[in-house]
PDB file of N, CA and C in Angstrom:
ATOM      1  N   MET A   1     -95.648  65.256  83.492  1.00  0.00           N
ATOM      2  CA  MET A   1     -95.112  66.005  82.382  1.00  0.00           C
ATOM      3  C   MET A   1     -95.775  67.374  82.346  1.00  0.00           C
ATOM      4  N   ALA A   2     -94.951  68.348  82.095  1.00  0.00           N
ATOM      5  CA  ALA A   2     -95.465  69.705  81.988  1.00  0.00           C
ATOM      6  C   ALA A   2     -95.965  69.958  80.585  1.00  0.00           C
ATOM      7  N   LYS A   3     -97.106  70.626  80.507  1.00  0.00           N
ATOM      8  CA  LYS A   3     -97.676  70.934  79.205  1.00  0.00           C
ATOM      9  C   LYS A   3     -97.230  72.348  78.820  1.00  0.00           C
ATOM     10  N   GLY A   4     -97.123  72.540  77.518  1.00  0.00           N
ATOM     11  CA  GLY A   4     -96.765  73.873  77.043  1.00  0.00           C
ATOM     12  C   GLY A   4     -95.268  73.976  76.747  1.00  0.00           C
ATOM     13  N   PHE A   5     -94.796  75.187  76.753  1.00  0.00           N
ATOM     14  CA  PHE A   5     -93.415  75.442  76.435  1.00  0.00           C
ATOM     15  C   PHE A   5     -92.580  75.573  77.683  1.00  0.00           C
ATOM     16  N   GLN A   6     -91.319  75.204  77.560  1.00  0.00           N
ATOM     17  CA  GLN A   6     -90.387  75.383  78.676  1.00  0.00           C
ATOM     18  C   GLN A   6     -89.252  76.301  78.229  1.00  0.00           C
ATOM     19  N   VAL A   7     -88.771  77.088  79.139  1.00  0.00           N
ATOM     20  CA  VAL A   7     -87.673  78.003  78.873  1.00  0.00           C
ATOM     21  C   VAL A   7     -86.365  77.217  79.006  1.00  0.00           C
ATOM     22  N   VAL A   8     -85.553  77.300  77.978  1.00  0.00           N
ATOM     23  CA  VAL A   8     -84.263  76.620  77.978  1.00  0.00           C
ATOM     24  C   VAL A   8     -83.186  77.680  77.974  1.00  0.00           C
ATOM     25  N   GLU A   9     -82.196  77.482  78.779  1.00  0.00           N
ATOM     26  CA  GLU A   9     -81.112  78.439  78.858  1.00  0.00           C
ATOM     27  C   GLU A   9     -80.287  78.396  77.580  1.00  0.00           C
ATOM     28  N   ASP A  10     -79.683  79.535  77.246  1.00  0.00           N
ATOM     29  CA  ASP A  10     -78.847  79.590  76.069  1.00  0.00           C
ATOM     30  C   ASP A  10     -77.630  78.698  76.262  1.00  0.00           C
ATOM     31  N   VAL A  11     -77.273  78.016  75.224  1.00  0.00           N
ATOM     32  CA  VAL A  11     -76.116  77.145  75.222  1.00  0.00           C
ATOM     33  C   VAL A  11     -75.086  77.718  74.294  1.00  0.00           C
ATOM     34  N   GLU A  12     -73.870  77.860  74.768  1.00  0.00           N
ATOM     35  CA  GLU A  12     -72.812  78.393  73.915  1.00  0.00           C
ATOM     36  C   GLU A  12     -72.206  77.261  73.111  1.00  0.00           C
ATOM     37  N   LEU A  13     -72.102  77.495  71.804  1.00  0.00           N
ATOM     38  CA  LEU A  13     -71.492  76.521  70.936  1.00  0.00           C
ATOM     39  C   LEU A  13     -69.976  76.635  71.026  1.00  0.00           C
ATOM     40  N   PRO A  14     -69.271  75.522  70.878  1.00  0.00           N
ATOM     41  CA  PRO A  14     -67.819  75.641  70.912  1.00  0.00           C
ATOM     42  C   PRO A  14     -67.310  76.377  69.670  1.00  0.00           C
ATOM     43  N   THR A  15     -66.290  77.180  69.877  1.00  0.00           N
ATOM     44  CA  THR A  15     -65.746  77.938  68.752  1.00  0.00           C
ATOM     45  C   THR A  15     -64.914  77.026  67.865  1.00  0.00           C
ATOM     46  N   GLN A  16     -64.904  77.339  66.592  1.00  0.00           N
ATOM     47  CA  GLN A  16     -64.148  76.527  65.640  1.00  0.00           C
ATOM     48  C   GLN A  16     -62.910  77.283  65.220  1.00  0.00           C
ATOM     49  N   SER A  17     -61.868  76.529  65.015  1.00  0.00           N
ATOM     50  CA  SER A  17     -60.648  77.136  64.520  1.00  0.00           C
ATOM     51  C   SER A  17     -60.792  77.401  63.020  1.00  0.00           C
ATOM     52  N   PRO A  18     -59.962  78.262  62.456  1.00  0.00           N
ATOM     53  CA  PRO A  18     -60.056  78.499  61.000  1.00  0.00           C
ATOM     54  C   PRO A  18     -59.843  77.217  60.172  1.00  0.00           C
ATOM     55  N   ALA A  19     -59.016  76.314  60.653  1.00  0.00           N
ATOM     56  CA  ALA A  19     -58.804  75.054  59.910  1.00  0.00           C
ATOM     57  C   ALA A  19     -60.072  74.202  59.931  1.00  0.00           C
ATOM     58  N   GLU A  20     -60.767  74.156  61.063  1.00  0.00           N
ATOM     59  CA  GLU A  20     -62.006  73.391  61.144  1.00  0.00           C
ATOM     60  C   GLU A  20     -63.069  73.997  60.257  1.00  0.00           C
ATOM     61  N   ARG A  21     -63.169  75.343  60.239  1.00  0.00           N
ATOM     62  CA  ARG A  21     -64.129  76.010  59.376  1.00  0.00           C
ATOM     63  C   ARG A  21     -63.837  75.746  57.903  1.00  0.00           C
ATOM     64  N   ALA A  22     -62.533  75.790  57.535  1.00  0.00           N
ATOM     65  CA  ALA A  22     -62.165  75.553  56.157  1.00  0.00           C
ATOM     66  C   ALA A  22     -62.495  74.111  55.755  1.00  0.00           C
ATOM     67  N   GLY A  23     -62.219  73.176  56.670  1.00  0.00           N
ATOM     68  CA  GLY A  23     -62.549  71.771  56.388  1.00  0.00           C
ATOM     69  C   GLY A  23     -64.049  71.573  56.188  1.00  0.00           C
ATOM     70  N   LEU A  24     -64.827  72.198  57.047  1.00  0.00           N
ATOM     71  CA  LEU A  24     -66.284  72.099  56.949  1.00  0.00           C
ATOM     72  C   LEU A  24     -66.798  72.734  55.660  1.00  0.00           C
ATOM     73  N   ASN A  25     -66.213  73.903  55.299  1.00  0.00           N
ATOM     74  CA  ASN A  25     -66.613  74.533  54.034  1.00  0.00           C
ATOM     75  C   ASN A  25     -66.268  73.671  52.833  1.00  0.00           C
ATOM     76  N   MET A  26     -65.112  73.003  52.866  1.00  0.00           N
ATOM     77  CA  MET A  26     -64.757  72.112  51.770  1.00  0.00           C
ATOM     78  C   MET A  26     -65.692  70.921  51.705  1.00  0.00           C
ATOM     79  N   LEU A  27     -66.067  70.403  52.830  1.00  0.00           N
ATOM     80  CA  LEU A  27     -67.021  69.276  52.861  1.00  0.00           C
ATOM     81  C   LEU A  27     -68.377  69.680  52.282  1.00  0.00           C
ATOM     82  N   VAL A  28     -68.854  70.859  52.683  1.00  0.00           N
ATOM     83  CA  VAL A  28     -70.141  71.358  52.173  1.00  0.00           C
ATOM     84  C   VAL A  28     -70.055  71.604  50.667  1.00  0.00           C
ATOM     85  N   LEU A  29     -68.947  72.138  50.198  1.00  0.00           N
ATOM     86  CA  LEU A  29     -68.768  72.402  48.762  1.00  0.00           C
ATOM     87  C   LEU A  29     -68.747  71.074  47.990  1.00  0.00           C
ATOM     88  N   GLY A  30     -68.062  70.080  48.511  1.00  0.00           N
ATOM     89  CA  GLY A  30     -68.036  68.755  47.871  1.00  0.00           C
ATOM     90  C   GLY A  30     -69.399  68.123  47.811  1.00  0.00           C
ATOM     91  N   MET A  31     -70.170  68.208  48.886  1.00  0.00           N
ATOM     92  CA  MET A  31     -71.507  67.628  48.895  1.00  0.00           C
ATOM     93  C   MET A  31     -72.433  68.364  47.899  1.00  0.00           C
ATOM     94  N   LYS A  32     -72.306  69.668  47.818  1.00  0.00           N
ATOM     95  CA  LYS A  32     -73.102  70.440  46.882  1.00  0.00           C
ATOM     96  C   LYS A  32     -72.781  70.064  45.444  1.00  0.00           C
ATOM     97  N   THR A  33     -71.501  69.928  45.121  1.00  0.00           N
ATOM     98  CA  THR A  33     -71.078  69.539  43.775  1.00  0.00           C
ATOM     99  C   THR A  33     -71.560  68.157  43.413  1.00  0.00           C
ATOM    100  N   LEU A  34     -71.475  67.237  44.375  1.00  0.00           N
ATOM    101  CA  LEU A  34     -71.917  65.877  44.113  1.00  0.00           C
ATOM    102  C   LEU A  34     -73.423  65.832  43.867  1.00  0.00           C
ATOM    103  N   SER A  35     -74.191  66.581  44.633  1.00  0.00           N
ATOM    104  CA  SER A  35     -75.649  66.563  44.440  1.00  0.00           C
ATOM    105  C   SER A  35     -76.011  67.212  43.116  1.00  0.00           C
ATOM    106  N   GLN A  36     -75.297  68.228  42.690  1.00  0.00           N
ATOM    107  CA  GLN A  36     -75.579  68.851  41.398  1.00  0.00           C
ATOM    108  C   GLN A  36     -75.258  67.885  40.247  1.00  0.00           C
ATOM    109  N   ARG A  37     -74.180  67.118  40.371  1.00  0.00           N
ATOM    110  CA  ARG A  37     -73.814  66.168  39.342  1.00  0.00           C
ATOM    111  C   ARG A  37     -74.840  65.036  39.303  1.00  0.00           C
ATOM    112  N   ALA A  38     -75.345  64.606  40.443  1.00  0.00           N
ATOM    113  CA  ALA A  38     -76.367  63.570  40.467  1.00  0.00           C
ATOM    114  C   ALA A  38     -77.650  64.057  39.817  1.00  0.00           C
ATOM    115  N   ALA A  39     -78.036  65.291  40.068  1.00  0.00           N
ATOM    116  CA  ALA A  39     -79.230  65.856  39.462  1.00  0.00           C
ATOM    117  C   ALA A  39     -79.065  65.938  37.953  1.00  0.00           C
ATOM    118  N   ALA A  40     -77.865  66.332  37.469  1.00  0.00           N
ATOM    119  CA  ALA A  40     -77.638  66.402  36.036  1.00  0.00           C
ATOM    120  C   ALA A  40     -77.670  65.002  35.409  1.00  0.00           C
ATOM    121  N   ALA A  41     -77.192  64.008  36.116  1.00  0.00           N
ATOM    122  CA  ALA A  41     -77.257  62.631  35.593  1.00  0.00           C
ATOM    123  C   ALA A  41     -78.682  62.127  35.496  1.00  0.00           C
ATOM    124  N   VAL A  42     -79.526  62.490  36.444  1.00  0.00           N
ATOM    125  CA  VAL A  42     -80.924  62.083  36.392  1.00  0.00           C
ATOM    126  C   VAL A  42     -81.628  62.755  35.207  1.00  0.00           C
ATOM    127  N   VAL A  43     -81.332  64.016  34.993  1.00  0.00           N
ATOM    128  CA  VAL A  43     -81.936  64.755  33.879  1.00  0.00           C
ATOM    129  C   VAL A  43     -81.482  64.140  32.554  1.00  0.00           C
ATOM    130  N   ASP A  44     -80.207  63.784  32.439  1.00  0.00           N
ATOM    131  CA  ASP A  44     -79.697  63.231  31.188  1.00  0.00           C
ATOM    132  C   ASP A  44     -80.152  61.802  30.952  1.00  0.00           C
ATOM    133  N   SER A  45     -80.732  61.139  31.929  1.00  0.00           N
ATOM    134  CA  SER A  45     -81.178  59.758  31.738  1.00  0.00           C
ATOM    135  C   SER A  45     -82.562  59.680  31.104  1.00  0.00           C
ATOM    136  N   PHE A  46     -83.174  60.814  30.770  1.00  0.00           N
ATOM    137  CA  PHE A  46     -84.487  60.833  30.177  1.00  0.00           C
ATOM    138  C   PHE A  46     -84.486  60.038  28.836  1.00  0.00           C
ATOM    139  N   LEU A  47     -83.484  60.270  27.997  1.00  0.00           N
ATOM    140  CA  LEU A  47     -83.397  59.567  26.733  1.00  0.00           C
ATOM    141  C   LEU A  47     -83.269  58.064  26.939  1.00  0.00           C
ATOM    142  N   LEU A  48     -82.437  57.669  27.847  1.00  0.00           N
ATOM    143  CA  LEU A  48     -82.231  56.253  28.104  1.00  0.00           C
ATOM    144  C   LEU A  48     -83.510  55.587  28.618  1.00  0.00           C
ATOM    145  N   LEU A  49     -84.208  56.227  29.528  1.00  0.00           N
ATOM    146  CA  LEU A  49     -85.434  55.651  30.066  1.00  0.00           C
ATOM    147  C   LEU A  49     -86.528  55.513  29.024  1.00  0.00           C
ATOM    148  N   THR A  50     -86.716  56.532  28.213  1.00  0.00           N
ATOM    149  CA  THR A  50     -87.795  56.486  27.217  1.00  0.00           C
ATOM    150  C   THR A  50     -87.498  55.475  26.132  1.00  0.00           C
ATOM    151  N   VAL A  51     -86.271  55.461  25.619  1.00  0.00           N
ATOM    152  CA  VAL A  51     -85.925  54.491  24.577  1.00  0.00           C
ATOM    153  C   VAL A  51     -85.928  53.062  25.172  1.00  0.00           C
ATOM    154  N   GLY A  52     -85.509  52.940  26.411  1.00  0.00           N
ATOM    155  CA  GLY A  52     -85.560  51.634  27.072  1.00  0.00           C
ATOM    156  C   GLY A  52     -86.967  51.115  27.247  1.00  0.00           C
ATOM    157  N   SER A  53     -87.892  52.032  27.516  1.00  0.00           N
ATOM    158  CA  SER A  53     -89.295  51.582  27.669  1.00  0.00           C
ATOM    159  C   SER A  53     -89.855  51.126  26.338  1.00  0.00           C
ATOM    160  N   ALA A  54     -89.531  51.822  25.230  1.00  0.00           N
ATOM    161  CA  ALA A  54     -89.996  51.394  23.917  1.00  0.00           C
ATOM    162  C   ALA A  54     -89.398  50.031  23.557  1.00  0.00           C
ATOM    163  N   TRP A  55     -88.126  49.848  23.814  1.00  0.00           N
ATOM    164  CA  TRP A  55     -87.457  48.558  23.512  1.00  0.00           C
ATOM    165  C   TRP A  55     -88.094  47.448  24.350  1.00  0.00           C
ATOM    166  N   TRP A  56     -88.352  47.705  25.616  1.00  0.00           N
ATOM    167  CA  TRP A  56     -88.948  46.666  26.473  1.00  0.00           C
ATOM    168  C   TRP A  56     -90.341  46.291  25.981  1.00  0.00           C
ATOM    169  N   LEU A  57     -91.139  47.256  25.533  1.00  0.00           N
ATOM    170  CA  LEU A  57     -92.461  46.934  25.013  1.00  0.00           C
ATOM    171  C   LEU A  57     -92.368  46.050  23.751  1.00  0.00           C
ATOM    172  N   TRP A  58     -91.450  46.407  22.843  1.00  0.00           N
ATOM    173  CA  TRP A  58     -91.268  45.581  21.672  1.00  0.00           C
ATOM    174  C   TRP A  58     -90.799  44.171  22.034  1.00  0.00           C
ATOM    175  N   TRP A  59     -89.873  44.116  22.975  1.00  0.00           N
ATOM    176  CA  TRP A  59     -89.280  42.835  23.386  1.00  0.00           C
ATOM    177  C   TRP A  59     -90.309  41.947  24.135  1.00  0.00           C
ATOM    178  N   SER A  60     -91.223  42.539  24.864  1.00  0.00           N
ATOM    179  CA  SER A  60     -92.165  41.777  25.675  1.00  0.00           C
ATOM    180  C   SER A  60     -93.387  41.302  24.856  1.00  0.00           C
ATOM    181  N   THR A  61     -93.436  41.633  23.556  1.00  0.00           N
ATOM    182  CA  THR A  61     -94.516  41.185  22.711  1.00  0.00           C
ATOM    183  C   THR A  61     -93.962  40.090  21.792  1.00  0.00           C
ATOM    184  N   PRO A  62     -94.138  38.806  22.173  1.00  0.00           N
ATOM    185  CA  PRO A  62     -93.448  37.741  21.435  1.00  0.00           C
ATOM    186  C   PRO A  62     -94.002  37.512  20.023  1.00  0.00           C
ATOM    187  N   ASP A  63     -95.289  37.567  19.834  1.00  0.00           N
ATOM    188  CA  ASP A  63     -95.889  37.298  18.522  1.00  0.00           C
ATOM    189  C   ASP A  63     -96.953  38.389  18.259  1.00  0.00           C
ATOM    190  N   PRO A  64     -96.509  39.576  17.843  1.00  0.00           N
ATOM    191  CA  PRO A  64     -97.444  40.692  17.711  1.00  0.00           C
ATOM    192  C   PRO A  64     -98.393  40.532  16.526  1.00  0.00           C
ATOM    193  N   ASN A  65     -99.628  40.933  16.742  1.00  0.00           N
ATOM    194  CA  ASN A  65    -100.573  40.989  15.629  1.00  0.00           C
ATOM    195  C   ASN A  65    -100.468  42.390  15.018  1.00  0.00           C
ATOM    196  N   PRO A  66    -101.114  42.642  13.877  1.00  0.00           N
ATOM    197  CA  PRO A  66    -100.985  43.987  13.230  1.00  0.00           C
ATOM    198  C   PRO A  66    -101.388  45.144  14.095  1.00  0.00           C
ATOM    199  N   HIS A  67    -102.419  44.972  14.929  1.00  0.00           N
ATOM    200  CA  HIS A  67    -102.843  46.072  15.803  1.00  0.00           C
ATOM    201  C   HIS A  67    -101.766  46.398  16.834  1.00  0.00           C
ATOM    202  N   GLN A  68    -101.118  45.372  17.386  1.00  0.00           N
ATOM    203  CA  GLN A  68    -100.034  45.617  18.352  1.00  0.00           C
ATOM    204  C   GLN A  68     -98.846  46.289  17.675  1.00  0.00           C
ATOM    205  N   ILE A  69     -98.540  45.892  16.447  1.00  0.00           N
ATOM    206  CA  ILE A  69     -97.414  46.512  15.737  1.00  0.00           C
ATOM    207  C   ILE A  69     -97.678  48.002  15.525  1.00  0.00           C
ATOM    208  N   VAL A  70     -98.905  48.319  15.133  1.00  0.00           N
ATOM    209  CA  VAL A  70     -99.281  49.728  14.931  1.00  0.00           C
ATOM    210  C   VAL A  70     -99.189  50.479  16.253  1.00  0.00           C
ATOM    211  N   SER A  71     -99.689  49.892  17.312  1.00  0.00           N
ATOM    212  CA  SER A  71     -99.651  50.538  18.632  1.00  0.00           C
ATOM    213  C   SER A  71     -98.214  50.747  19.083  1.00  0.00           C
ATOM    214  N   LEU A  72     -97.376  49.774  18.912  1.00  0.00           N
ATOM    215  CA  LEU A  72     -95.973  49.893  19.304  1.00  0.00           C
ATOM    216  C   LEU A  72     -95.243  50.940  18.447  1.00  0.00           C
ATOM    217  N   ALA A  73     -95.569  51.004  17.170  1.00  0.00           N
ATOM    218  CA  ALA A  73     -94.976  52.024  16.313  1.00  0.00           C
ATOM    219  C   ALA A  73     -95.411  53.407  16.705  1.00  0.00           C
ATOM    220  N   ILE A  74     -96.662  53.565  17.068  1.00  0.00           N
ATOM    221  CA  ILE A  74     -97.160  54.878  17.542  1.00  0.00           C
ATOM    222  C   ILE A  74     -96.429  55.262  18.830  1.00  0.00           C
ATOM    223  N   TYR A  75     -96.237  54.305  19.747  1.00  0.00           N
ATOM    224  CA  TYR A  75     -95.503  54.612  20.983  1.00  0.00           C
ATOM    225  C   TYR A  75     -94.059  54.989  20.678  1.00  0.00           C
ATOM    226  N   ALA A  76     -93.425  54.252  19.767  1.00  0.00           N
ATOM    227  CA  ALA A  76     -92.048  54.569  19.411  1.00  0.00           C
ATOM    228  C   ALA A  76     -91.949  55.974  18.801  1.00  0.00           C
ATOM    229  N   GLY A  77     -92.921  56.341  17.952  1.00  0.00           N
ATOM    230  CA  GLY A  77     -92.967  57.688  17.411  1.00  0.00           C
ATOM    231  C   GLY A  77     -93.157  58.745  18.471  1.00  0.00           C
ATOM    232  N   PHE A  78     -94.005  58.433  19.448  1.00  0.00           N
ATOM    233  CA  PHE A  78     -94.220  59.363  20.553  1.00  0.00           C
ATOM    234  C   PHE A  78     -92.933  59.557  21.358  1.00  0.00           C
ATOM    235  N   VAL A  79     -92.224  58.463  21.608  1.00  0.00           N
ATOM    236  CA  VAL A  79     -90.973  58.545  22.344  1.00  0.00           C
ATOM    237  C   VAL A  79     -89.952  59.376  21.567  1.00  0.00           C
ATOM    238  N   LEU A  80     -89.872  59.146  20.253  1.00  0.00           N
ATOM    239  CA  LEU A  80     -88.951  59.907  19.435  1.00  0.00           C
ATOM    240  C   LEU A  80     -89.296  61.387  19.459  1.00  0.00           C
ATOM    241  N   ALA A  81     -90.584  61.726  19.328  1.00  0.00           N
ATOM    242  CA  ALA A  81     -91.017  63.118  19.350  1.00  0.00           C
ATOM    243  C   ALA A  81     -90.744  63.749  20.724  1.00  0.00           C
ATOM    244  N   ALA A  82     -91.000  63.009  21.788  1.00  0.00           N
ATOM    245  CA  ALA A  82     -90.754  63.544  23.132  1.00  0.00           C
ATOM    246  C   ALA A  82     -89.269  63.834  23.325  1.00  0.00           C
ATOM    247  N   ASN A  83     -88.406  62.952  22.826  1.00  0.00           N
ATOM    248  CA  ASN A  83     -86.970  63.191  22.961  1.00  0.00           C
ATOM    249  C   ASN A  83     -86.509  64.366  22.125  1.00  0.00           C
ATOM    250  N   LEU A  84     -87.057  64.525  20.915  1.00  0.00           N
ATOM    251  CA  LEU A  84     -86.697  65.679  20.089  1.00  0.00           C
ATOM    252  C   LEU A  84     -87.151  66.972  20.734  1.00  0.00           C
ATOM    253  N   ILE A  85     -88.344  67.026  21.240  1.00  0.00           N
ATOM    254  CA  ILE A  85     -88.857  68.212  21.918  1.00  0.00           C
ATOM    255  C   ILE A  85     -88.018  68.507  23.164  1.00  0.00           C
ATOM    256  N   TYR A  86     -87.663  67.462  23.908  1.00  0.00           N
ATOM    257  CA  TYR A  86     -86.880  67.645  25.124  1.00  0.00           C
ATOM    258  C   TYR A  86     -85.493  68.204  24.805  1.00  0.00           C
ATOM    259  N   ARG A  87     -84.892  67.723  23.723  1.00  0.00           N
ATOM    260  CA  ARG A  87     -83.575  68.248  23.353  1.00  0.00           C
ATOM    261  C   ARG A  87     -83.660  69.694  22.857  1.00  0.00           C
ATOM    262  N   LYS A  88     -84.721  70.044  22.126  1.00  0.00           N
ATOM    263  CA  LYS A  88     -84.892  71.436  21.655  1.00  0.00           C
ATOM    264  C   LYS A  88     -85.125  72.396  22.830  1.00  0.00           C
ATOM    265  N   VAL A  89     -85.944  71.983  23.787  1.00  0.00           N
ATOM    266  CA  VAL A  89     -86.247  72.849  24.927  1.00  0.00           C
ATOM    267  C   VAL A  89     -85.010  73.007  25.807  1.00  0.00           C
ATOM    268  N   ARG A  90     -84.220  71.964  25.906  1.00  0.00           N
ATOM    269  CA  ARG A  90     -83.073  71.974  26.807  1.00  0.00           C
ATOM    270  C   ARG A  90     -81.945  72.850  26.281  1.00  0.00           C
ATOM    271  N   ARG A  91     -81.877  73.078  24.983  1.00  0.00           N
ATOM    272  CA  ARG A  91     -80.808  73.931  24.414  1.00  0.00           C
ATOM    273  C   ARG A  91     -81.017  75.353  24.742  1.00  0.00           C
TER     274      ARG A  91
END
């Protein structure tokens, strides 16, 4: 095996017809739109994830004592505040 770099001859790419270029441009545009919509869906799922986490914590505590109730209420308040701040910043 040769070490270092090797010189490679230029390779000509096949030319595309206008129809092929238009098809490729449409495909790229569709992929870009789909990725932007997926990113928007992930951003909008913040509310669902935070409220779901608070619900899961309440649900997973079968017989809470007073300290756990206070802790869960503080977490629920934090989630509510985080969602309100997130909505204000996002506007």
